[in-house]
Amino acid sequence: MTTSIPVIDLAPLEEGVPGRDRVVDAFVRAYSDVGFAYLIGHRVAPALIDAVFGASKAFHALPLDSKMVIRLDGRHRGYIPISTSTDRTSTLATVTKPNQSASFMMMREDPADSAEVASGTYLAGPNRWPDLPGFRESVEAYYDAMCRLGFRLLDVVSSALGDDAGVLSSAFATPTTWLRLLHYPPVPVGAAGDLWGSAPHRDFGCITILAQDDVGGLQVRTPKGGWIDVPPRSDAFVMNVGDMLHRWSNGRLLSTPHRVVNRTGRERYSVPFFFDPHMSTTIEPLPGCVDASGPARFHPIEFGAFVRGELEASYDRHQPGQQQQ
């Protein structure tokens, strides 16, 4: 029975450091058995991590009126107020209450005159920034570092899945990237048991890389159906696999259910980074993951269409009839 989260040391991915094959083997074991792992040796500077948490705390401390100036737009960028997202697509619990978190969301920066906007790529557009000195600089510096880490991990995934045809590298030539600054207020004493910071769910994309503060609250479901804590580690990110990589791997890599329960009485902050393929990508089992003994388990889907369905089901801002800003 799974009782802990495995640890993967990424140090051998550095040029001149032996042991890359060990990283690939550890990746396959972790994401075939658990679907979550701690990443150490990631080479993201602690100062960048500290700065993005500082930016998050400064943003969430702003008056509500100041944050609402950049309320989430139809391109999924800006401020997401508390109680405006509900995991309605969850098959893991009967979810009737909205998530008890607020957040700032940024994605890949697409200027208004960019090719992505001109071609009508779903969600393409510029980010929305608060009037907060130093905020954009700190967030973008961290975002850039996470993009670099995402590409390093993608190389590991490609090796793990035998993607000799380069399907993944092509799909991520212009990746879909999301960075979210989350704030979870403490759940009131005596609150209902189904009032979650984040209700039980699976991530719908490919790779999630999470930085969390020292409060804790993240829990992962085990294959037996129980829930285990993912205690914060100051030297590590937490990475999990989402539904699209589960499909690409023909089910080999697990998209594991998780939730956030903040009953500590403290404010909780976390910073997930989501690294996904271009919206136009067709997702189907990779050739290296399909053979006579293991035929394809999933039909092809377009990533952008899947994302649209998820957002429209989960966010008030994306409900039909809302106007894009």
C-alpha atoms as a PDB file:
ATOM      1  CA  MET A   1       0.000   0.000   0.000  1.00  0.00           C
ATOM      2  CA  THR A   2       1.282   3.482  -0.860  1.00  0.00           C
ATOM      3  CA  THR A   3       2.092   5.429   2.313  1.00  0.00           C
ATOM      4  CA  SER A   4       4.541   8.050   1.037  1.00  0.00           C
ATOM      5  CA  ILE A   5       5.476  10.071  -2.020  1.00  0.00           C
ATOM      6  CA  PRO A   6       8.649   9.000  -3.871  1.00  0.00           C
ATOM      7  CA  VAL A   7      11.582  11.353  -4.443  1.00  0.00           C
ATOM      8  CA  ILE A   8      13.282  11.912  -7.818  1.00  0.00           C
ATOM      9  CA  ASP A   9      16.675  13.619  -7.938  1.00  0.00           C
ATOM     10  CA  LEU A  10      17.006  15.579 -11.189  1.00  0.00           C
ATOM     11  CA  ALA A  11      20.693  16.410 -10.693  1.00  0.00           C
ATOM     12  CA  PRO A  12      21.834  13.784 -13.260  1.00  0.00           C
ATOM     13  CA  LEU A  13      20.009  15.739 -15.973  1.00  0.00           C
ATOM     14  CA  GLU A  14      22.753  18.355 -15.795  1.00  0.00           C
ATOM     15  CA  GLU A  15      25.338  18.185 -18.568  1.00  0.00           C
ATOM     16  CA  GLY A  16      28.324  16.076 -17.576  1.00  0.00           C
ATOM     17  CA  VAL A  17      26.581  14.440 -14.604  1.00  0.00           C
ATOM     18  CA  PRO A  18      26.183  10.653 -14.969  1.00  0.00           C
ATOM     19  CA  GLY A  19      22.975   8.822 -14.173  1.00  0.00           C
ATOM     20  CA  ARG A  20      20.335  10.183 -16.572  1.00  0.00           C
ATOM     21  CA  ASP A  21      18.960   6.660 -17.091  1.00  0.00           C
ATOM     22  CA  ARG A  22      18.351   6.418 -13.351  1.00  0.00           C
ATOM     23  CA  VAL A  23      16.180   9.532 -13.542  1.00  0.00           C
ATOM     24  CA  VAL A  24      14.122   8.008 -16.354  1.00  0.00           C
ATOM     25  CA  ASP A  25      13.734   4.725 -14.450  1.00  0.00           C
ATOM     26  CA  ALA A  26      12.710   6.567 -11.272  1.00  0.00           C
ATOM     27  CA  PHE A  27      10.199   8.603 -13.268  1.00  0.00           C
ATOM     28  CA  VAL A  28       8.584   5.483 -14.731  1.00  0.00           C
ATOM     29  CA  ARG A  29       8.332   3.824 -11.306  1.00  0.00           C
ATOM     30  CA  ALA A  30       6.913   6.888  -9.565  1.00  0.00           C
ATOM     31  CA  TYR A  31       4.308   7.753 -12.162  1.00  0.00           C
ATOM     32  CA  SER A  32       3.279   4.184 -12.885  1.00  0.00           C
ATOM     33  CA  ASP A  33       2.718   3.429  -9.179  1.00  0.00           C
ATOM     34  CA  VAL A  34       1.739   6.699  -7.471  1.00  0.00           C
ATOM     35  CA  GLY A  35       1.383   9.494 -10.024  1.00  0.00           C
ATOM     36  CA  PHE A  36       3.091  11.987  -7.691  1.00  0.00           C
ATOM     37  CA  ALA A  37       6.717  12.603  -6.718  1.00  0.00           C
ATOM     38  CA  TYR A  38       8.945  15.128  -5.014  1.00  0.00           C
ATOM     39  CA  LEU A  39      11.513  16.673  -7.386  1.00  0.00           C
ATOM     40  CA  ILE A  40      14.856  17.625  -5.855  1.00  0.00           C
ATOM     41  CA  GLY A  41      17.985  18.782  -7.644  1.00  0.00           C
ATOM     42  CA  HIS A  42      15.793  20.919  -9.920  1.00  0.00           C
ATOM     43  CA  ARG A  43      18.194  23.896  -9.998  1.00  0.00           C
ATOM     44  CA  VAL A  44      15.472  26.532  -9.641  1.00  0.00           C
ATOM     45  CA  ALA A  45      16.988  29.240  -7.456  1.00  0.00           C
ATOM     46  CA  PRO A  46      15.464  29.541  -3.966  1.00  0.00           C
ATOM     47  CA  ALA A  47      15.425  33.317  -4.418  1.00  0.00           C
ATOM     48  CA  LEU A  48      13.020  32.951  -7.367  1.00  0.00           C
ATOM     49  CA  ILE A  49      10.724  30.738  -5.305  1.00  0.00           C
ATOM     50  CA  ASP A  50      10.793  33.123  -2.355  1.00  0.00           C
ATOM     51  CA  ALA A  51      10.081  36.065  -4.668  1.00  0.00           C
ATOM     52  CA  VAL A  52       7.032  34.466  -6.280  1.00  0.00           C
ATOM     53  CA  PHE A  53       5.564  33.621  -2.861  1.00  0.00           C
ATOM     54  CA  GLY A  54       6.235  37.182  -1.764  1.00  0.00           C
ATOM     55  CA  ALA A  55       4.483  38.476  -4.878  1.00  0.00           C
ATOM     56  CA  SER A  56       1.531  36.168  -4.229  1.00  0.00           C
ATOM     57  CA  LYS A  57       1.119  37.320  -0.624  1.00  0.00           C
ATOM     58  CA  ALA A  58       1.364  40.978  -1.672  1.00  0.00           C
ATOM     59  CA  PHE A  59      -1.256  40.484  -4.378  1.00  0.00           C
ATOM     60  CA  HIS A  60      -3.741  38.632  -2.194  1.00  0.00           C
ATOM     61  CA  ALA A  61      -3.324  41.291   0.523  1.00  0.00           C
ATOM     62  CA  LEU A  62      -4.605  43.982  -1.861  1.00  0.00           C
ATOM     63  CA  PRO A  63      -8.116  45.341  -1.313  1.00  0.00           C
ATOM     64  CA  LEU A  64     -10.736  43.335  -3.175  1.00  0.00           C
ATOM     65  CA  ASP A  65     -11.611  46.297  -5.401  1.00  0.00           C
ATOM     66  CA  SER A  66      -8.009  46.490  -6.611  1.00  0.00           C
ATOM     67  CA  LYS A  67      -7.956  42.785  -7.498  1.00  0.00           C
ATOM     68  CA  MET A  68     -11.338  42.917  -9.196  1.00  0.00           C
ATOM     69  CA  VAL A  69      -9.944  45.423 -11.706  1.00  0.00           C
ATOM     70  CA  ILE A  70      -8.233  42.445 -13.341  1.00  0.00           C
ATOM     71  CA  ARG A  71     -10.916  39.856 -12.684  1.00  0.00           C
ATOM     72  CA  LEU A  72     -10.562  36.678 -14.762  1.00  0.00           C
ATOM     73  CA  ASP A  73     -11.299  37.296 -18.425  1.00  0.00           C
ATOM     74  CA  GLY A  74     -12.498  34.975 -21.160  1.00  0.00           C
ATOM     75  CA  ARG A  75      -8.885  34.064 -21.946  1.00  0.00           C
ATOM     76  CA  HIS A  76      -8.447  32.702 -18.418  1.00  0.00           C
ATOM     77  CA  ARG A  77      -6.105  35.409 -17.193  1.00  0.00           C
ATOM     78  CA  GLY A  78      -6.410  37.562 -14.100  1.00  0.00           C
ATOM     79  CA  TYR A  79      -7.940  37.344 -10.627  1.00  0.00           C
ATOM     80  CA  ILE A  80     -10.184  34.417  -9.676  1.00  0.00           C
ATOM     81  CA  PRO A  81     -12.220  35.368  -6.577  1.00  0.00           C
ATOM     82  CA  ILE A  82     -13.056  32.839  -3.908  1.00  0.00           C
ATOM     83  CA  SER A  83     -16.157  30.688  -4.464  1.00  0.00           C
ATOM     84  CA  THR A  84     -16.226  31.178  -8.274  1.00  0.00           C
ATOM     85  CA  SER A  85     -14.884  27.769  -9.337  1.00  0.00           C
ATOM     86  CA  THR A  86     -16.453  24.387  -8.646  1.00  0.00           C
ATOM     87  CA  ASP A  87     -15.147  20.965  -9.709  1.00  0.00           C
ATOM     88  CA  ARG A  88     -18.376  20.003 -11.447  1.00  0.00           C
ATOM     89  CA  THR A  89     -16.587  17.450 -13.666  1.00  0.00           C
ATOM     90  CA  SER A  90     -15.237  15.504 -10.691  1.00  0.00           C
ATOM     91  CA  THR A  91     -16.104  11.806 -10.643  1.00  0.00           C
ATOM     92  CA  LEU A  92     -14.430  11.419  -7.266  1.00  0.00           C
ATOM     93  CA  ALA A  93     -16.965  13.129  -5.012  1.00  0.00           C
ATOM     94  CA  THR A  94     -20.330  14.824  -5.147  1.00  0.00           C
ATOM     95  CA  VAL A  95     -19.151  18.422  -5.344  1.00  0.00           C
ATOM     96  CA  THR A  96     -21.808  21.030  -4.594  1.00  0.00           C
ATOM     97  CA  LYS A  97     -19.725  23.762  -2.956  1.00  0.00           C
ATOM     98  CA  PRO A  98     -17.182  26.005  -4.720  1.00  0.00           C
ATOM     99  CA  ASN A  99     -13.478  25.698  -3.965  1.00  0.00           C
ATOM    100  CA  GLN A 100     -12.345  27.825  -1.035  1.00  0.00           C
ATOM    101  CA  SER A 101      -9.432  29.515  -2.736  1.00  0.00           C
ATOM    102  CA  ALA A 102      -8.659  32.719  -4.594  1.00  0.00           C
ATOM    103  CA  SER A 103      -5.947  33.041  -7.203  1.00  0.00           C
ATOM    104  CA  PHE A 104      -4.091  35.044  -9.797  1.00  0.00           C
ATOM    105  CA  MET A 105      -3.716  33.293 -13.163  1.00  0.00           C
ATOM    106  CA  MET A 106      -1.249  33.996 -15.944  1.00  0.00           C
ATOM    107  CA  MET A 107      -0.568  32.019 -19.104  1.00  0.00           C
ATOM    108  CA  ARG A 108       1.801  32.210 -22.065  1.00  0.00           C
ATOM    109  CA  GLU A 109       2.062  35.862 -23.070  1.00  0.00           C
ATOM    110  CA  ASP A 110       0.467  36.320 -26.509  1.00  0.00           C
ATOM    111  CA  PRO A 111       0.512  39.956 -27.662  1.00  0.00           C
ATOM    112  CA  ALA A 112      -2.635  41.190 -29.374  1.00  0.00           C
ATOM    113  CA  ASP A 113      -0.812  41.193 -32.728  1.00  0.00           C
ATOM    114  CA  SER A 114       0.683  37.682 -32.313  1.00  0.00           C
ATOM    115  CA  ALA A 115       0.131  34.792 -34.716  1.00  0.00           C
ATOM    116  CA  GLU A 116      -1.616  32.807 -31.950  1.00  0.00           C
ATOM    117  CA  VAL A 117      -4.233  35.522 -31.480  1.00  0.00           C
ATOM    118  CA  ALA A 118      -4.605  36.067 -35.226  1.00  0.00           C
ATOM    119  CA  SER A 119      -5.225  32.351 -35.812  1.00  0.00           C
ATOM    120  CA  GLY A 120      -7.863  32.184 -33.085  1.00  0.00           C
ATOM    121  CA  THR A 121      -6.023  29.760 -30.789  1.00  0.00           C
ATOM    122  CA  TYR A 122      -8.271  29.063 -27.810  1.00  0.00           C
ATOM    123  CA  LEU A 123      -7.358  31.296 -24.816  1.00  0.00           C
ATOM    124  CA  ALA A 124      -4.534  33.060 -26.698  1.00  0.00           C
ATOM    125  CA  GLY A 125      -3.980  36.630 -25.588  1.00  0.00           C
ATOM    126  CA  PRO A 126      -2.042  38.967 -23.295  1.00  0.00           C
ATOM    127  CA  ASN A 127      -1.884  38.598 -19.535  1.00  0.00           C
ATOM    128  CA  ARG A 128      -3.557  40.962 -17.065  1.00  0.00           C
ATOM    129  CA  TRP A 129      -1.340  42.498 -14.403  1.00  0.00           C
ATOM    130  CA  PRO A 130      -2.167  44.300 -11.145  1.00  0.00           C
ATOM    131  CA  ASP A 131      -0.825  47.727 -10.331  1.00  0.00           C
ATOM    132  CA  LEU A 132       1.678  46.344  -7.849  1.00  0.00           C
ATOM    133  CA  PRO A 133       5.362  47.326  -8.001  1.00  0.00           C
ATOM    134  CA  GLY A 134       7.710  44.429  -8.768  1.00  0.00           C
ATOM    135  CA  PHE A 135       4.892  41.902  -9.095  1.00  0.00           C
ATOM    136  CA  ARG A 136       5.133  41.237 -12.822  1.00  0.00           C
ATOM    137  CA  GLU A 137       8.922  41.006 -12.753  1.00  0.00           C
ATOM    138  CA  SER A 138       8.943  38.419  -9.930  1.00  0.00           C
ATOM    139  CA  VAL A 139       6.166  36.332 -11.454  1.00  0.00           C
ATOM    140  CA  GLU A 140       7.631  36.319 -14.965  1.00  0.00           C
ATOM    141  CA  ALA A 141      11.122  35.405 -13.699  1.00  0.00           C
ATOM    142  CA  TYR A 142       9.686  32.402 -11.869  1.00  0.00           C
ATOM    143  CA  TYR A 143       7.488  31.487 -14.840  1.00  0.00           C
ATOM    144  CA  ASP A 144      10.522  31.498 -17.171  1.00  0.00           C
ATOM    145  CA  ALA A 145      12.426  29.189 -14.820  1.00  0.00           C
ATOM    146  CA  MET A 146       9.483  26.796 -14.672  1.00  0.00           C
ATOM    147  CA  CYS A 147       9.222  26.704 -18.467  1.00  0.00           C
ATOM    148  CA  ARG A 148      12.867  25.669 -18.631  1.00  0.00           C
ATOM    149  CA  LEU A 149      12.246  22.963 -16.028  1.00  0.00           C
ATOM    150  CA  GLY A 150       9.161  21.827 -17.952  1.00  0.00           C
ATOM    151  CA  PHE A 151      11.197  21.217 -21.102  1.00  0.00           C
ATOM    152  CA  ARG A 152      13.809  19.243 -19.140  1.00  0.00           C
ATOM    153  CA  LEU A 153      11.075  17.053 -17.708  1.00  0.00           C
ATOM    154  CA  LEU A 154       9.485  16.638 -21.132  1.00  0.00           C
ATOM    155  CA  ASP A 155      12.757  15.116 -22.337  1.00  0.00           C
ATOM    156  CA  VAL A 156      12.527  12.584 -19.501  1.00  0.00           C
ATOM    157  CA  VAL A 157       8.918  11.804 -20.384  1.00  0.00           C
ATOM    158  CA  SER A 158       9.851  11.271 -24.043  1.00  0.00           C
ATOM    159  CA  SER A 159      12.534   8.767 -23.078  1.00  0.00           C
ATOM    160  CA  ALA A 160      10.252   7.025 -20.590  1.00  0.00           C
ATOM    161  CA  LEU A 161       7.529   6.535 -23.222  1.00  0.00           C
ATOM    162  CA  GLY A 162       9.814   5.649 -26.146  1.00  0.00           C
ATOM    163  CA  ASP A 163       8.691   8.645 -28.193  1.00  0.00           C
ATOM    164  CA  ASP A 164      11.237   8.104 -30.972  1.00  0.00           C
ATOM    165  CA  ALA A 165       8.999   9.896 -33.496  1.00  0.00           C
ATOM    166  CA  GLY A 166       9.169  13.160 -31.537  1.00  0.00           C
ATOM    167  CA  VAL A 167       5.410  13.506 -31.063  1.00  0.00           C
ATOM    168  CA  LEU A 168       5.820  15.233 -27.716  1.00  0.00           C
ATOM    169  CA  SER A 169       8.539  17.662 -28.796  1.00  0.00           C
ATOM    170  CA  SER A 170       6.353  18.709 -31.735  1.00  0.00           C
ATOM    171  CA  ALA A 171       3.273  19.157 -29.524  1.00  0.00           C
ATOM    172  CA  PHE A 172       5.248  21.317 -27.096  1.00  0.00           C
ATOM    173  CA  ALA A 173       7.010  23.457 -29.729  1.00  0.00           C
ATOM    174  CA  THR A 174       4.648  26.221 -28.559  1.00  0.00           C
ATOM    175  CA  PRO A 175       3.395  24.924 -25.217  1.00  0.00           C
ATOM    176  CA  THR A 176       0.274  25.951 -23.348  1.00  0.00           C
ATOM    177  CA  THR A 177       1.532  27.182 -19.982  1.00  0.00           C
ATOM    178  CA  TRP A 178      -0.316  28.303 -16.861  1.00  0.00           C
ATOM    179  CA  LEU A 179       0.992  29.758 -13.605  1.00  0.00           C
ATOM    180  CA  ARG A 180      -1.432  30.175 -10.712  1.00  0.00           C
ATOM    181  CA  LEU A 181      -0.843  31.992  -7.428  1.00  0.00           C
ATOM    182  CA  LEU A 182      -3.249  30.347  -4.993  1.00  0.00           C
ATOM    183  CA  HIS A 183      -4.397  31.558  -1.600  1.00  0.00           C
ATOM    184  CA  TYR A 184      -6.419  29.256   0.667  1.00  0.00           C
ATOM    185  CA  PRO A 185      -7.969  30.896   3.718  1.00  0.00           C
ATOM    186  CA  PRO A 186      -8.406  28.531   6.683  1.00  0.00           C
ATOM    187  CA  VAL A 187     -11.649  26.575   6.619  1.00  0.00           C
ATOM    188  CA  PRO A 188     -13.780  27.704   9.573  1.00  0.00           C
ATOM    189  CA  VAL A 189     -13.975  25.423  12.592  1.00  0.00           C
ATOM    190  CA  GLY A 190     -17.081  23.269  12.341  1.00  0.00           C
ATOM    191  CA  ALA A 191     -17.404  23.683   8.562  1.00  0.00           C
ATOM    192  CA  ALA A 192     -19.031  20.891   6.566  1.00  0.00           C
ATOM    193  CA  GLY A 193     -16.759  18.000   5.630  1.00  0.00           C
ATOM    194  CA  ASP A 194     -17.299  18.631   1.919  1.00  0.00           C
ATOM    195  CA  LEU A 195     -16.038  22.246   2.070  1.00  0.00           C
ATOM    196  CA  TRP A 196     -12.640  21.846   0.436  1.00  0.00           C
ATOM    197  CA  GLY A 197      -9.879  24.246  -0.440  1.00  0.00           C
ATOM    198  CA  SER A 198      -9.763  22.245  -3.656  1.00  0.00           C
ATOM    199  CA  ALA A 199     -12.256  19.417  -4.110  1.00  0.00           C
ATOM    200  CA  PRO A 200     -11.022  15.946  -5.127  1.00  0.00           C
ATOM    201  CA  HIS A 201      -9.984  16.058  -8.791  1.00  0.00           C
ATOM    202  CA  ARG A 202      -7.489  14.957 -11.402  1.00  0.00           C
ATOM    203  CA  ASP A 203      -5.527  17.563 -13.380  1.00  0.00           C
ATOM    204  CA  PHE A 204      -6.691  17.699 -16.995  1.00  0.00           C
ATOM    205  CA  GLY A 205      -3.341  18.564 -18.616  1.00  0.00           C
ATOM    206  CA  CYS A 206       0.075  16.904 -18.772  1.00  0.00           C
ATOM    207  CA  ILE A 207       2.566  18.045 -16.126  1.00  0.00           C
ATOM    208  CA  THR A 208       1.908  19.975 -12.908  1.00  0.00           C
ATOM    209  CA  ILE A 209       4.855  21.306 -10.893  1.00  0.00           C
ATOM    210  CA  LEU A 210       3.825  22.631  -7.491  1.00  0.00           C
ATOM    211  CA  ALA A 211       5.587  24.854  -4.993  1.00  0.00           C
ATOM    212  CA  GLN A 212       3.832  24.866  -1.617  1.00  0.00           C
ATOM    213  CA  ASP A 213       4.452  26.783   1.587  1.00  0.00           C
ATOM    214  CA  ASP A 214       4.997  25.198   4.992  1.00  0.00           C
ATOM    215  CA  VAL A 215       1.306  24.953   5.918  1.00  0.00           C
ATOM    216  CA  GLY A 216       0.476  21.678   4.175  1.00  0.00           C
ATOM    217  CA  GLY A 217      -2.975  20.471   3.185  1.00  0.00           C
ATOM    218  CA  LEU A 218      -2.312  18.672  -0.099  1.00  0.00           C
ATOM    219  CA  GLN A 219      -3.521  15.076  -0.069  1.00  0.00           C
ATOM    220  CA  VAL A 220      -3.234  12.291  -2.675  1.00  0.00           C
ATOM    221  CA  ARG A 221      -5.548   9.318  -3.082  1.00  0.00           C
ATOM    222  CA  THR A 222      -3.930   5.902  -2.900  1.00  0.00           C
ATOM    223  CA  PRO A 223      -4.870   2.961  -5.156  1.00  0.00           C
ATOM    224  CA  LYS A 224      -6.767   1.533  -2.164  1.00  0.00           C
ATOM    225  CA  GLY A 225      -8.925   4.663  -1.973  1.00  0.00           C
ATOM    226  CA  GLY A 226      -7.406   6.219   1.139  1.00  0.00           C
ATOM    227  CA  TRP A 227      -5.809   9.661   1.313  1.00  0.00           C
ATOM    228  CA  ILE A 228      -2.228  10.453   2.313  1.00  0.00           C
ATOM    229  CA  ASP A 229      -0.626  13.810   3.067  1.00  0.00           C
ATOM    230  CA  VAL A 230       2.066  15.372   0.883  1.00  0.00           C
ATOM    231  CA  PRO A 231       4.094  17.252   3.502  1.00  0.00           C
ATOM    232  CA  PRO A 232       5.901  20.371   2.280  1.00  0.00           C
ATOM    233  CA  ARG A 233       9.637  20.095   1.596  1.00  0.00           C
ATOM    234  CA  SER A 234      11.657  23.285   1.267  1.00  0.00           C
ATOM    235  CA  ASP A 235      14.079  21.641  -1.172  1.00  0.00           C
ATOM    236  CA  ALA A 236      11.496  20.089  -3.473  1.00  0.00           C
ATOM    237  CA  PHE A 237       8.696  20.686  -5.915  1.00  0.00           C
ATOM    238  CA  VAL A 238       5.781  18.262  -6.084  1.00  0.00           C
ATOM    239  CA  MET A 239       5.035  16.994  -9.594  1.00  0.00           C
ATOM    240  CA  ASN A 240       2.033  15.061 -10.805  1.00  0.00           C
ATOM    241  CA  VAL A 241       0.795  13.783 -14.157  1.00  0.00           C
ATOM    242  CA  GLY A 242      -2.532  14.877 -15.654  1.00  0.00           C
ATOM    243  CA  ASP A 243      -5.158  13.267 -17.865  1.00  0.00           C
ATOM    244  CA  MET A 244      -3.479  14.094 -21.191  1.00  0.00           C
ATOM    245  CA  LEU A 245      -0.195  12.398 -20.310  1.00  0.00           C
ATOM    246  CA  HIS A 246      -2.216   9.478 -18.978  1.00  0.00           C
ATOM    247  CA  ARG A 247      -3.808   9.221 -22.443  1.00  0.00           C
ATOM    248  CA  TRP A 248      -0.528   9.684 -24.327  1.00  0.00           C
ATOM    249  CA  SER A 249       1.032   6.883 -22.258  1.00  0.00           C
ATOM    250  CA  ASN A 250      -1.984   4.630 -22.969  1.00  0.00           C
ATOM    251  CA  GLY A 251      -2.726   4.535 -19.250  1.00  0.00           C
ATOM    252  CA  ARG A 252       0.792   3.664 -18.128  1.00  0.00           C
ATOM    253  CA  LEU A 253       1.348   6.958 -16.286  1.00  0.00           C
ATOM    254  CA  LEU A 254      -1.254   7.704 -13.635  1.00  0.00           C
ATOM    255  CA  SER A 255      -3.358  10.838 -13.330  1.00  0.00           C
ATOM    256  CA  THR A 256      -3.852  10.583  -9.596  1.00  0.00           C
ATOM    257  CA  PRO A 257      -6.734  12.175  -7.672  1.00  0.00           C
ATOM    258  CA  HIS A 258      -5.769  14.833  -5.138  1.00  0.00           C
ATOM    259  CA  ARG A 259      -7.374  17.504  -2.988  1.00  0.00           C
ATOM    260  CA  VAL A 260      -6.536  20.358  -0.632  1.00  0.00           C
ATOM    261  CA  VAL A 261      -7.905  20.419   2.904  1.00  0.00           C
ATOM    262  CA  ASN A 262      -6.809  23.460   4.921  1.00  0.00           C
ATOM    263  CA  ARG A 263      -8.011  23.001   8.481  1.00  0.00           C
ATOM    264  CA  THR A 264      -4.805  24.289  10.060  1.00  0.00           C
ATOM    265  CA  GLY A 265      -6.192  27.668  11.063  1.00  0.00           C
ATOM    266  CA  ARG A 266      -3.481  29.321   8.919  1.00  0.00           C
ATOM    267  CA  GLU A 267      -3.407  30.979   5.523  1.00  0.00           C
ATOM    268  CA  ARG A 268      -2.058  28.605   2.836  1.00  0.00           C
ATOM    269  CA  TYR A 269      -0.260  29.670  -0.354  1.00  0.00           C
ATOM    270  CA  SER A 270       0.799  27.484  -3.248  1.00  0.00           C
ATOM    271  CA  VAL A 271       2.063  28.058  -6.776  1.00  0.00           C
ATOM    272  CA  PRO A 272       1.215  25.381  -9.368  1.00  0.00           C
ATOM    273  CA  PHE A 273       2.710  25.561 -12.848  1.00  0.00           C
ATOM    274  CA  PHE A 274       0.965  23.601 -15.604  1.00  0.00           C
ATOM    275  CA  PHE A 275       2.965  22.548 -18.681  1.00  0.00           C
ATOM    276  CA  ASP A 276       0.753  21.403 -21.548  1.00  0.00           C
ATOM    277  CA  PRO A 277       0.835  20.960 -25.350  1.00  0.00           C
ATOM    278  CA  HIS A 278      -0.426  23.487 -27.866  1.00  0.00           C
ATOM    279  CA  MET A 279      -4.202  23.789 -27.937  1.00  0.00           C
ATOM    280  CA  SER A 280      -4.385  22.363 -31.474  1.00  0.00           C
ATOM    281  CA  THR A 281      -2.693  19.100 -30.448  1.00  0.00           C
ATOM    282  CA  THR A 282      -4.473  15.797 -31.032  1.00  0.00           C
ATOM    283  CA  ILE A 283      -3.927  13.522 -28.037  1.00  0.00           C
ATOM    284  CA  GLU A 284      -3.888   9.782 -28.599  1.00  0.00           C
ATOM    285  CA  PRO A 285      -1.706   6.929 -27.312  1.00  0.00           C
ATOM    286  CA  LEU A 286       1.880   7.218 -28.523  1.00  0.00           C
ATOM    287  CA  PRO A 287       3.073   4.499 -30.933  1.00  0.00           C
ATOM    288  CA  GLY A 288       5.678   3.400 -28.397  1.00  0.00           C
ATOM    289  CA  CYS A 289       2.923   2.738 -25.840  1.00  0.00           C
ATOM    290  CA  VAL A 290       0.749   0.557 -28.095  1.00  0.00           C
ATOM    291  CA  ASP A 291       1.348  -3.011 -29.230  1.00  0.00           C
ATOM    292  CA  ALA A 292      -0.536  -6.252 -29.838  1.00  0.00           C
ATOM    293  CA  SER A 293      -0.717  -7.023 -26.130  1.00  0.00           C
ATOM    294  CA  GLY A 294      -1.654  -3.468 -25.210  1.00  0.00           C
ATOM    295  CA  PRO A 295      -3.922  -1.900 -27.861  1.00  0.00           C
ATOM    296  CA  ALA A 296      -4.910   1.751 -27.700  1.00  0.00           C
ATOM    297  CA  ARG A 297      -7.251   2.418 -24.788  1.00  0.00           C
ATOM    298  CA  PHE A 298      -8.205   5.991 -25.699  1.00  0.00           C
ATOM    299  CA  HIS A 299      -9.701   7.607 -28.780  1.00  0.00           C
ATOM    300  CA  PRO A 300      -8.079  10.778 -30.188  1.00  0.00           C
ATOM    301  CA  ILE A 301      -9.189  14.114 -28.730  1.00  0.00           C
ATOM    302  CA  GLU A 302      -8.185  17.703 -29.420  1.00  0.00           C
ATOM    303  CA  PHE A 303      -6.603  19.289 -26.376  1.00  0.00           C
ATOM    304  CA  GLY A 304      -8.190  22.716 -26.895  1.00  0.00           C
ATOM    305  CA  ALA A 305     -11.699  21.284 -27.154  1.00  0.00           C
ATOM    306  CA  PHE A 306     -11.120  19.261 -23.988  1.00  0.00           C
ATOM    307  CA  VAL A 307      -9.851  22.329 -22.108  1.00  0.00           C
ATOM    308  CA  ARG A 308     -12.841  24.382 -23.224  1.00  0.00           C
ATOM    309  CA  GLY A 309     -15.206  21.770 -21.820  1.00  0.00           C
ATOM    310  CA  GLU A 310     -13.350  21.660 -18.505  1.00  0.00           C
ATOM    311  CA  LEU A 311     -13.310  25.440 -18.062  1.00  0.00           C
ATOM    312  CA  GLU A 312     -16.930  25.925 -19.068  1.00  0.00           C
ATOM    313  CA  ALA A 313     -17.985  23.275 -16.566  1.00  0.00           C
ATOM    314  CA  SER A 314     -15.867  24.550 -13.668  1.00  0.00           C
ATOM    315  CA  TYR A 315     -15.604  28.350 -13.796  1.00  0.00           C
ATOM    316  CA  ASP A 316     -18.392  30.905 -13.502  1.00  0.00           C
ATOM    317  CA  ARG A 317     -16.450  33.178 -15.853  1.00  0.00           C
ATOM    318  CA  HIS A 318     -16.539  30.604 -18.655  1.00  0.00           C
ATOM    319  CA  GLN A 319     -20.235  29.834 -18.473  1.00  0.00           C
ATOM    320  CA  PRO A 320     -22.050  30.158 -21.826  1.00  0.00           C
ATOM    321  CA  GLY A 321     -23.287  33.697 -22.318  1.00  0.00           C
ATOM    322  CA  GLN A 322     -20.378  35.373 -20.550  1.00  0.00           C
ATOM    323  CA  GLN A 323     -18.673  37.915 -22.805  1.00  0.00           C
ATOM    324  CA  GLN A 324     -14.946  37.660 -23.489  1.00  0.00           C
ATOM    325  CA  GLN A 325     -12.941  40.711 -22.471  1.00  0.00           C
END
